[in-house]
Amino acid sequence: MKRAVLIVVAALVVVYAIDYALLHHKMANPDQTVAYGTITSFYGTATKGGKMEIFTDQPLTETCVHSLFPHSGYRACWYVSKGGVKQF
């Protein structure tokens, strides 16, 4: 059991390190769109009828990285794109 946990943790560390190295390789490219992306999201609120009202007057643009894990203070684009509407 202890050995299996160590193997899983070691595998996650290796995957994270490879992801980090690939992202920094992409950042070295003069075309920064290879490493960075932008996601536009909107605010929304639930109404009494159970529907969602979307406010399109002030969209939020967030910079993200094209990687598996978050790096350099940016979230991964695949994760950010899942939530296009921020509820309040």
N, C-alpha and C. Protein backbone atom coordinates (compact mmCIF):
# COMPACT_ATOMS: atom_id res chain seq x y z
N MET A 1 0.82 -1.19 0.00
CA MET A 1 0.00 0.00 0.00
C MET A 1 0.87 1.25 0.00
N LYS A 2 1.86 1.27 0.87
CA LYS A 2 2.75 2.43 0.97
C LYS A 2 3.54 2.61 -0.33
N ARG A 3 3.92 1.50 -0.91
CA ARG A 3 4.69 1.53 -2.15
C ARG A 3 3.83 2.06 -3.30
N ALA A 4 2.57 1.68 -3.34
CA ALA A 4 1.67 2.14 -4.40
C ALA A 4 1.46 3.66 -4.31
N VAL A 5 1.32 4.18 -3.11
CA VAL A 5 1.15 5.62 -2.93
C VAL A 5 2.40 6.35 -3.40
N LEU A 6 3.56 5.84 -3.08
CA LEU A 6 4.81 6.46 -3.52
C LEU A 6 4.93 6.45 -5.04
N ILE A 7 4.51 5.38 -5.68
CA ILE A 7 4.56 5.29 -7.14
C ILE A 7 3.61 6.31 -7.78
N VAL A 8 2.42 6.44 -7.21
CA VAL A 8 1.45 7.41 -7.75
C VAL A 8 1.97 8.83 -7.58
N VAL A 9 2.51 9.16 -6.42
CA VAL A 9 3.04 10.50 -6.18
C VAL A 9 4.22 10.78 -7.11
N ALA A 10 5.10 9.81 -7.28
CA ALA A 10 6.24 9.99 -8.17
C ALA A 10 5.79 10.19 -9.62
N ALA A 11 4.77 9.45 -10.04
CA ALA A 11 4.25 9.60 -11.40
C ALA A 11 3.65 10.99 -11.60
N LEU A 12 2.92 11.48 -10.61
CA LEU A 12 2.35 12.84 -10.71
C LEU A 12 3.44 13.90 -10.78
N VAL A 13 4.49 13.74 -10.01
CA VAL A 13 5.61 14.69 -10.04
C VAL A 13 6.27 14.68 -11.41
N VAL A 14 6.45 13.50 -11.99
CA VAL A 14 7.07 13.40 -13.32
C VAL A 14 6.18 14.04 -14.38
N VAL A 15 4.88 13.80 -14.33
CA VAL A 15 3.95 14.38 -15.31
C VAL A 15 3.94 15.90 -15.18
N TYR A 16 3.93 16.42 -13.94
CA TYR A 16 3.95 17.86 -13.73
C TYR A 16 5.25 18.48 -14.26
N ALA A 17 6.37 17.82 -14.01
CA ALA A 17 7.66 18.33 -14.48
C ALA A 17 7.72 18.35 -16.02
N ILE A 18 7.21 17.33 -16.66
CA ILE A 18 7.19 17.29 -18.13
C ILE A 18 6.27 18.39 -18.67
N ASP A 19 5.12 18.57 -18.04
CA ASP A 19 4.19 19.61 -18.45
C ASP A 19 4.84 20.99 -18.31
N TYR A 20 5.55 21.20 -17.22
CA TYR A 20 6.26 22.47 -16.97
C TYR A 20 7.34 22.72 -18.03
N ALA A 21 8.09 21.69 -18.35
CA ALA A 21 9.15 21.82 -19.35
C ALA A 21 8.56 22.09 -20.74
N LEU A 22 7.48 21.42 -21.09
CA LEU A 22 6.84 21.67 -22.39
C LEU A 22 6.29 23.09 -22.48
N LEU A 23 5.71 23.59 -21.40
CA LEU A 23 5.18 24.95 -21.41
C LEU A 23 6.31 25.96 -21.57
N HIS A 24 7.42 25.76 -20.89
CA HIS A 24 8.54 26.70 -21.04
C HIS A 24 9.16 26.61 -22.43
N HIS A 25 9.10 25.45 -23.04
CA HIS A 25 9.55 25.33 -24.43
C HIS A 25 8.63 26.12 -25.35
N LYS A 26 7.31 26.06 -25.09
CA LYS A 26 6.35 26.83 -25.87
C LYS A 26 6.54 28.33 -25.66
N MET A 27 6.90 28.72 -24.44
CA MET A 27 7.11 30.14 -24.14
C MET A 27 8.32 30.71 -24.87
N ALA A 28 9.28 29.86 -25.20
CA ALA A 28 10.47 30.30 -25.92
C ALA A 28 10.16 30.61 -27.38
N ASN A 29 9.03 30.15 -27.88
CA ASN A 29 8.60 30.40 -29.25
C ASN A 29 8.23 31.88 -29.39
N PRO A 30 8.67 32.55 -30.46
CA PRO A 30 8.30 33.96 -30.64
C PRO A 30 6.79 34.18 -30.74
N ASP A 31 6.05 33.19 -31.20
CA ASP A 31 4.60 33.27 -31.29
C ASP A 31 4.02 32.85 -29.93
N GLN A 32 3.66 33.82 -29.10
CA GLN A 32 3.21 33.54 -27.74
C GLN A 32 1.84 32.87 -27.68
N THR A 33 1.11 32.83 -28.78
CA THR A 33 -0.20 32.18 -28.76
C THR A 33 -0.06 30.66 -28.62
N VAL A 34 1.13 30.14 -28.83
CA VAL A 34 1.36 28.71 -28.64
C VAL A 34 1.27 28.36 -27.15
N ALA A 35 1.74 29.26 -26.29
CA ALA A 35 1.76 28.99 -24.85
C ALA A 35 0.57 29.59 -24.11
N TYR A 36 0.13 30.76 -24.56
CA TYR A 36 -0.93 31.48 -23.84
C TYR A 36 -2.21 31.53 -24.66
N GLY A 37 -3.32 31.60 -23.98
CA GLY A 37 -4.62 31.76 -24.62
C GLY A 37 -5.45 32.73 -23.80
N THR A 38 -6.59 33.13 -24.33
CA THR A 38 -7.51 33.98 -23.58
C THR A 38 -8.90 33.36 -23.64
N ILE A 39 -9.58 33.47 -22.54
CA ILE A 39 -10.94 32.97 -22.42
C ILE A 39 -11.82 34.14 -21.99
N THR A 40 -12.93 34.34 -22.67
CA THR A 40 -13.87 35.38 -22.30
C THR A 40 -15.06 34.75 -21.59
N SER A 41 -15.35 35.26 -20.41
CA SER A 41 -16.50 34.75 -19.65
C SER A 41 -17.40 35.91 -19.27
N PHE A 42 -18.60 35.58 -18.86
CA PHE A 42 -19.61 36.58 -18.55
C PHE A 42 -20.18 36.32 -17.16
N TYR A 43 -20.73 37.37 -16.56
CA TYR A 43 -21.45 37.22 -15.30
C TYR A 43 -22.88 36.81 -15.58
N GLY A 44 -23.42 36.03 -14.68
CA GLY A 44 -24.81 35.60 -14.81
C GLY A 44 -25.41 35.38 -13.45
N THR A 45 -26.72 35.41 -13.38
CA THR A 45 -27.42 35.16 -12.14
C THR A 45 -28.67 34.35 -12.42
N ALA A 46 -29.06 33.54 -11.46
CA ALA A 46 -30.25 32.72 -11.61
C ALA A 46 -31.49 33.58 -11.32
N THR A 47 -32.52 33.41 -12.12
CA THR A 47 -33.77 34.13 -11.90
C THR A 47 -34.74 33.26 -11.11
N LYS A 48 -35.88 33.83 -10.74
CA LYS A 48 -36.87 33.09 -9.96
C LYS A 48 -37.44 31.90 -10.73
N GLY A 49 -37.52 32.01 -12.04
CA GLY A 49 -38.07 30.94 -12.86
C GLY A 49 -37.11 29.79 -13.09
N GLY A 50 -35.90 29.86 -12.51
CA GLY A 50 -34.92 28.80 -12.68
C GLY A 50 -34.05 28.97 -13.91
N LYS A 51 -34.21 30.08 -14.63
CA LYS A 51 -33.39 30.32 -15.81
C LYS A 51 -32.18 31.16 -15.42
N MET A 52 -31.25 31.29 -16.34
CA MET A 52 -30.03 32.05 -16.11
C MET A 52 -30.08 33.34 -16.91
N GLU A 53 -29.84 34.47 -16.24
CA GLU A 53 -29.75 35.75 -16.93
C GLU A 53 -28.27 36.09 -17.07
N ILE A 54 -27.83 36.29 -18.30
CA ILE A 54 -26.44 36.57 -18.61
C ILE A 54 -26.27 38.07 -18.83
N PHE A 55 -25.25 38.65 -18.21
CA PHE A 55 -24.93 40.06 -18.39
C PHE A 55 -23.76 40.18 -19.36
N THR A 56 -24.04 40.63 -20.58
CA THR A 56 -23.01 40.68 -21.61
C THR A 56 -22.33 42.03 -21.72
N ASP A 57 -22.68 42.98 -20.85
CA ASP A 57 -22.11 44.32 -20.98
C ASP A 57 -20.66 44.40 -20.52
N GLN A 58 -20.22 43.53 -19.61
CA GLN A 58 -18.85 43.57 -19.12
C GLN A 58 -18.24 42.17 -19.13
N PRO A 59 -17.80 41.71 -20.29
CA PRO A 59 -17.17 40.38 -20.32
C PRO A 59 -15.81 40.41 -19.63
N LEU A 60 -15.44 39.29 -19.05
CA LEU A 60 -14.15 39.14 -18.39
C LEU A 60 -13.22 38.36 -19.31
N THR A 61 -12.03 38.88 -19.52
CA THR A 61 -11.04 38.19 -20.32
C THR A 61 -9.93 37.71 -19.40
N GLU A 62 -9.68 36.42 -19.42
CA GLU A 62 -8.66 35.82 -18.56
C GLU A 62 -7.58 35.17 -19.42
N THR A 63 -6.33 35.43 -19.06
CA THR A 63 -5.22 34.79 -19.75
C THR A 63 -4.99 33.43 -19.12
N CYS A 64 -4.77 32.43 -19.97
CA CYS A 64 -4.55 31.07 -19.48
C CYS A 64 -3.38 30.46 -20.25
N VAL A 65 -2.92 29.31 -19.80
CA VAL A 65 -1.81 28.62 -20.45
C VAL A 65 -2.31 27.31 -21.06
N HIS A 66 -1.74 26.96 -22.21
CA HIS A 66 -2.08 25.70 -22.87
C HIS A 66 -1.22 24.59 -22.28
N SER A 67 -1.68 24.07 -21.16
CA SER A 67 -0.96 23.00 -20.47
C SER A 67 -1.95 22.16 -19.69
N LEU A 68 -1.46 21.11 -19.10
CA LEU A 68 -2.31 20.21 -18.33
C LEU A 68 -2.58 20.77 -16.93
N PHE A 69 -1.57 21.41 -16.33
CA PHE A 69 -1.66 21.96 -14.98
C PHE A 69 -1.49 23.48 -15.03
N PRO A 70 -1.94 24.19 -13.98
CA PRO A 70 -1.69 25.64 -13.93
C PRO A 70 -0.20 25.91 -13.68
N HIS A 71 0.33 26.93 -14.35
CA HIS A 71 1.73 27.32 -14.21
C HIS A 71 1.85 28.83 -14.27
N SER A 72 2.88 29.35 -13.63
CA SER A 72 3.25 30.77 -13.70
C SER A 72 2.10 31.70 -13.31
N GLY A 73 1.26 31.27 -12.43
CA GLY A 73 0.15 32.10 -11.97
C GLY A 73 -1.06 32.11 -12.88
N TYR A 74 -1.05 31.32 -13.94
CA TYR A 74 -2.18 31.24 -14.87
C TYR A 74 -2.83 29.86 -14.76
N ARG A 75 -4.15 29.84 -14.91
CA ARG A 75 -4.85 28.57 -14.90
C ARG A 75 -4.77 27.92 -16.28
N ALA A 76 -4.99 26.63 -16.34
CA ALA A 76 -4.96 25.90 -17.60
C ALA A 76 -6.20 26.26 -18.43
N CYS A 77 -6.02 26.44 -19.74
CA CYS A 77 -7.12 26.86 -20.62
C CYS A 77 -8.26 25.84 -20.63
N TRP A 78 -7.96 24.56 -20.58
CA TRP A 78 -9.03 23.56 -20.61
C TRP A 78 -9.91 23.69 -19.37
N TYR A 79 -9.33 24.10 -18.25
CA TYR A 79 -10.09 24.25 -17.02
C TYR A 79 -10.90 25.54 -17.02
N VAL A 80 -10.30 26.62 -17.51
CA VAL A 80 -10.98 27.91 -17.54
C VAL A 80 -12.15 27.89 -18.51
N SER A 81 -12.01 27.20 -19.63
CA SER A 81 -13.05 27.20 -20.65
C SER A 81 -14.30 26.42 -20.21
N LYS A 82 -14.19 25.60 -19.17
CA LYS A 82 -15.35 24.85 -18.68
C LYS A 82 -16.39 25.76 -18.04
N GLY A 83 -15.96 26.87 -17.46
CA GLY A 83 -16.90 27.77 -16.78
C GLY A 83 -17.03 29.09 -17.51
N GLY A 84 -17.85 29.16 -18.54
CA GLY A 84 -17.99 30.39 -19.32
C GLY A 84 -18.83 31.44 -18.64
N VAL A 85 -19.61 31.06 -17.62
CA VAL A 85 -20.46 32.01 -16.92
C VAL A 85 -20.13 31.95 -15.44
N LYS A 86 -19.82 33.10 -14.85
CA LYS A 86 -19.55 33.18 -13.41
C LYS A 86 -20.80 33.68 -12.73
N GLN A 87 -21.34 32.88 -11.83
CA GLN A 87 -22.58 33.23 -11.16
C GLN A 87 -22.32 34.10 -9.95
N PHE A 88 -23.23 35.03 -9.70
CA PHE A 88 -23.19 35.81 -8.47
C PHE A 88 -24.58 36.02 -7.95
